[in-house]
Amino acid sequence: MALFKKRTVGKPGEWYYCLEHHKVEEGPECPAKDRFGPYASRSEAEHAMRTAHERNLQWENDPKWHDAATGSADD
């Protein structure tokens, strides 16, 4: 018995953004490695790349993520 079932058909209302084909899909059409999601609506999936970009900027500018160095290389 397989530990994980391979799901080939998506549920209605699950939306994904395919990174390979640059398109929105209802249900997982492409492999998981090539998609973002699931999203609750088609509109959210259409804006997946913008959302990812905004979240990356938040992480890059988060002071808790980038700890200050405790010394210099000359010490």
C-alpha atoms as a PDB file:
ATOM      1  CA  MET A   1       0.000   0.000   0.000  1.00  0.00           C
ATOM      2  CA  ALA A   2       1.340   3.389  -0.986  1.00  0.00           C
ATOM      3  CA  LEU A   3       2.011   5.891   1.745  1.00  0.00           C
ATOM      4  CA  PHE A   4       0.822   8.809  -0.376  1.00  0.00           C
ATOM      5  CA  LYS A   5      -1.842   8.670  -3.040  1.00  0.00           C
ATOM      6  CA  LYS A   6      -1.012  10.358  -6.321  1.00  0.00           C
ATOM      7  CA  ARG A   7      -3.837  12.745  -7.003  1.00  0.00           C
ATOM      8  CA  THR A   8      -4.361  13.239 -10.700  1.00  0.00           C
ATOM      9  CA  VAL A   9      -7.661  15.113 -10.596  1.00  0.00           C
ATOM     10  CA  GLY A  10      -8.162  18.303  -8.669  1.00  0.00           C
ATOM     11  CA  LYS A  11     -11.127  19.331  -6.624  1.00  0.00           C
ATOM     12  CA  PRO A  12     -13.461  21.915  -8.116  1.00  0.00           C
ATOM     13  CA  GLY A  13     -12.563  25.313  -6.741  1.00  0.00           C
ATOM     14  CA  GLU A  14      -8.830  24.583  -6.270  1.00  0.00           C
ATOM     15  CA  TRP A  15      -6.777  26.938  -8.406  1.00  0.00           C
ATOM     16  CA  TYR A  16      -3.074  26.716  -9.228  1.00  0.00           C
ATOM     17  CA  TYR A  17      -0.537  28.778 -11.133  1.00  0.00           C
ATOM     18  CA  CYS A  18       1.690  26.705 -13.422  1.00  0.00           C
ATOM     19  CA  LEU A  19       5.263  28.013 -13.463  1.00  0.00           C
ATOM     20  CA  GLU A  20       6.122  25.972 -16.554  1.00  0.00           C
ATOM     21  CA  HIS A  21       3.262  27.148 -18.769  1.00  0.00           C
ATOM     22  CA  HIS A  22       2.590  30.518 -17.057  1.00  0.00           C
ATOM     23  CA  LYS A  23      -1.127  29.851 -16.798  1.00  0.00           C
ATOM     24  CA  VAL A  24      -3.871  29.338 -14.230  1.00  0.00           C
ATOM     25  CA  GLU A  25      -5.267  25.834 -13.815  1.00  0.00           C
ATOM     26  CA  GLU A  26      -8.322  24.543 -11.999  1.00  0.00           C
ATOM     27  CA  GLY A  27      -7.145  21.426 -10.234  1.00  0.00           C
ATOM     28  CA  PRO A  28      -3.568  20.170 -10.457  1.00  0.00           C
ATOM     29  CA  GLU A  29      -2.827  19.600 -14.131  1.00  0.00           C
ATOM     30  CA  CYS A  30       0.966  19.947 -13.954  1.00  0.00           C
ATOM     31  CA  PRO A  31       3.403  18.331 -11.490  1.00  0.00           C
ATOM     32  CA  ALA A  32       3.658  19.879  -8.017  1.00  0.00           C
ATOM     33  CA  LYS A  33       7.230  21.022  -8.669  1.00  0.00           C
ATOM     34  CA  ASP A  34       5.933  23.301 -11.444  1.00  0.00           C
ATOM     35  CA  ARG A  35       3.077  25.059  -9.676  1.00  0.00           C
ATOM     36  CA  PHE A  36       2.021  27.394  -6.876  1.00  0.00           C
ATOM     37  CA  GLY A  37      -1.196  26.723  -4.995  1.00  0.00           C
ATOM     38  CA  PRO A  38      -3.820  25.766  -4.223  1.00  0.00           C
ATOM     39  CA  TYR A  39      -5.570  29.119  -4.147  1.00  0.00           C
ATOM     40  CA  ALA A  40      -9.187  29.736  -3.168  1.00  0.00           C
ATOM     41  CA  SER A  41     -10.038  31.645  -6.344  1.00  0.00           C
ATOM     42  CA  ARG A  42      -8.928  32.057  -9.929  1.00  0.00           C
ATOM     43  CA  SER A  43      -8.065  35.691  -9.200  1.00  0.00           C
ATOM     44  CA  GLU A  44      -5.658  34.717  -6.397  1.00  0.00           C
ATOM     45  CA  ALA A  45      -3.949  32.225  -8.708  1.00  0.00           C
ATOM     46  CA  GLU A  46      -3.647  34.850 -11.458  1.00  0.00           C
ATOM     47  CA  HIS A  47      -1.699  37.050  -9.023  1.00  0.00           C
ATOM     48  CA  ALA A  48       0.530  34.254  -7.706  1.00  0.00           C
ATOM     49  CA  MET A  49       3.775  35.683  -9.091  1.00  0.00           C
ATOM     50  CA  ARG A  50       3.052  39.154  -7.681  1.00  0.00           C
ATOM     51  CA  THR A  51       2.196  37.635  -4.289  1.00  0.00           C
ATOM     52  CA  ALA A  52       5.436  35.616  -4.297  1.00  0.00           C
ATOM     53  CA  HIS A  53       7.436  38.725  -5.205  1.00  0.00           C
ATOM     54  CA  GLU A  54       5.824  40.749  -2.409  1.00  0.00           C
ATOM     55  CA  ARG A  55       6.479  38.005   0.141  1.00  0.00           C
ATOM     56  CA  ASN A  56      10.111  37.716  -0.964  1.00  0.00           C
ATOM     57  CA  LEU A  57      10.550  41.455  -0.419  1.00  0.00           C
ATOM     58  CA  GLN A  58       9.010  41.175   3.050  1.00  0.00           C
ATOM     59  CA  TRP A  59      11.469  38.415   3.975  1.00  0.00           C
ATOM     60  CA  GLU A  60      14.446  40.304   2.547  1.00  0.00           C
ATOM     61  CA  ASN A  61      13.555  43.370   4.624  1.00  0.00           C
ATOM     62  CA  ASP A  62      12.580  41.564   7.834  1.00  0.00           C
ATOM     63  CA  PRO A  63      15.028  42.606  10.593  1.00  0.00           C
ATOM     64  CA  LYS A  64      14.391  39.357  12.487  1.00  0.00           C
ATOM     65  CA  TRP A  65      15.517  37.352   9.447  1.00  0.00           C
ATOM     66  CA  HIS A  66      18.770  39.256   8.912  1.00  0.00           C
ATOM     67  CA  ASP A  67      20.566  39.245  12.247  1.00  0.00           C
ATOM     68  CA  ALA A  68      23.287  41.839  12.649  1.00  0.00           C
ATOM     69  CA  ALA A  69      26.823  40.521  12.590  1.00  0.00           C
ATOM     70  CA  THR A  70      28.370  40.205  16.062  1.00  0.00           C
ATOM     71  CA  GLY A  71      31.824  41.179  14.922  1.00  0.00           C
ATOM     72  CA  SER A  72      33.970  41.792  11.901  1.00  0.00           C
ATOM     73  CA  ALA A  73      36.349  39.527  10.036  1.00  0.00           C
ATOM     74  CA  ASP A  74      39.273  41.592  11.405  1.00  0.00           C
ATOM     75  CA  ASP A  75      38.575  40.595  15.039  1.00  0.00           C
END
